[in-house]
Amino acid sequence: MLLYHGSNTEVTEPQLLGQVRGLDFGQGFYTTTNEKQAKRFAKTVRERREIGTPIVSVFEYNMDAA
């Protein structure tokens, strides 16, 4: 299964860091199976932070190995 993460920077290895603000579902590393949604969010993050480039990082998740 492919998972997508939209941001203003590439993520090669997800890390859980302490949050400085509240998020919709709490602390964590957010992904989606919807590539279009990740692209929209990457643009939103870039606009909010005014730095970086909208980018979607892609991760392969093996549900059988989980």
Protein backbone atom coordinates (compact mmCIF):
# COMPACT_ATOMS: atom_id res chain seq x y z
CA MET A 1 0.00 0.00 0.00
CA LEU A 2 1.31 3.46 -0.89
CA LEU A 3 1.01 6.27 1.64
CA TYR A 4 1.51 9.95 0.83
CA HIS A 5 2.68 12.82 3.04
CA GLY A 6 2.31 16.40 1.81
CA SER A 7 4.62 19.08 3.19
CA ASN A 8 6.96 21.92 2.24
CA THR A 9 10.01 19.65 2.48
CA GLU A 10 10.87 16.07 1.54
CA VAL A 11 10.61 13.46 4.28
CA THR A 12 12.79 10.38 3.82
CA GLU A 13 12.40 8.90 7.31
CA PRO A 14 9.35 9.93 9.36
CA GLN A 15 10.09 11.06 12.92
CA LEU A 16 7.65 11.80 15.71
CA LEU A 17 8.66 15.11 17.24
CA GLY A 18 7.07 17.07 20.05
CA GLN A 19 4.30 19.31 18.79
CA VAL A 20 4.20 23.04 19.44
CA ARG A 21 0.56 23.32 18.38
CA GLY A 22 -2.57 21.22 18.51
CA LEU A 23 -3.42 19.10 15.47
CA ASP A 24 -6.77 17.64 14.46
CA PHE A 25 -5.94 14.13 15.66
CA GLY A 26 -3.10 14.85 18.08
CA GLN A 27 0.61 14.19 17.79
CA GLY A 28 1.74 11.98 14.96
CA PHE A 29 2.95 11.70 11.37
CA TYR A 30 0.01 12.16 9.04
CA THR A 31 -0.33 10.25 5.76
CA THR A 32 -3.11 9.52 3.30
CA THR A 33 -3.78 6.97 0.59
CA ASN A 34 -5.09 9.81 -1.59
CA GLU A 35 -2.26 11.37 -3.61
CA LYS A 36 -4.38 14.37 -4.70
CA GLN A 37 -5.16 15.17 -1.07
CA ALA A 38 -1.45 15.07 -0.19
CA LYS A 39 -0.65 17.41 -3.11
CA ARG A 40 -3.29 19.91 -1.93
CA PHE A 41 -1.96 19.79 1.61
CA ALA A 42 1.64 20.26 0.43
CA LYS A 43 0.56 23.48 -1.31
CA THR A 44 -1.29 24.63 1.80
CA VAL A 45 1.72 23.98 4.06
CA ARG A 46 4.02 25.85 1.66
CA GLU A 47 1.68 28.85 1.62
CA ARG A 48 1.32 28.92 5.42
CA ARG A 49 5.02 28.62 6.16
CA GLU A 50 6.18 30.79 3.26
CA ILE A 51 9.27 28.65 2.78
CA GLY A 52 10.25 25.50 0.91
CA THR A 53 8.58 23.77 -2.03
CA PRO A 54 5.33 21.78 -2.06
CA ILE A 55 6.38 18.13 -2.14
CA VAL A 56 4.70 14.78 -1.62
CA SER A 57 6.79 12.07 0.03
CA VAL A 58 5.72 8.51 -0.81
CA PHE A 59 6.06 5.53 1.52
CA GLU A 60 5.33 1.88 0.89
CA TYR A 61 3.60 0.17 3.80
CA ASN A 62 3.40 -3.61 4.01
CA MET A 63 0.26 -4.46 5.96
CA ASP A 64 1.19 -8.15 6.06
CA ALA A 65 4.45 -7.36 7.86
CA ALA A 66 2.77 -5.03 10.39
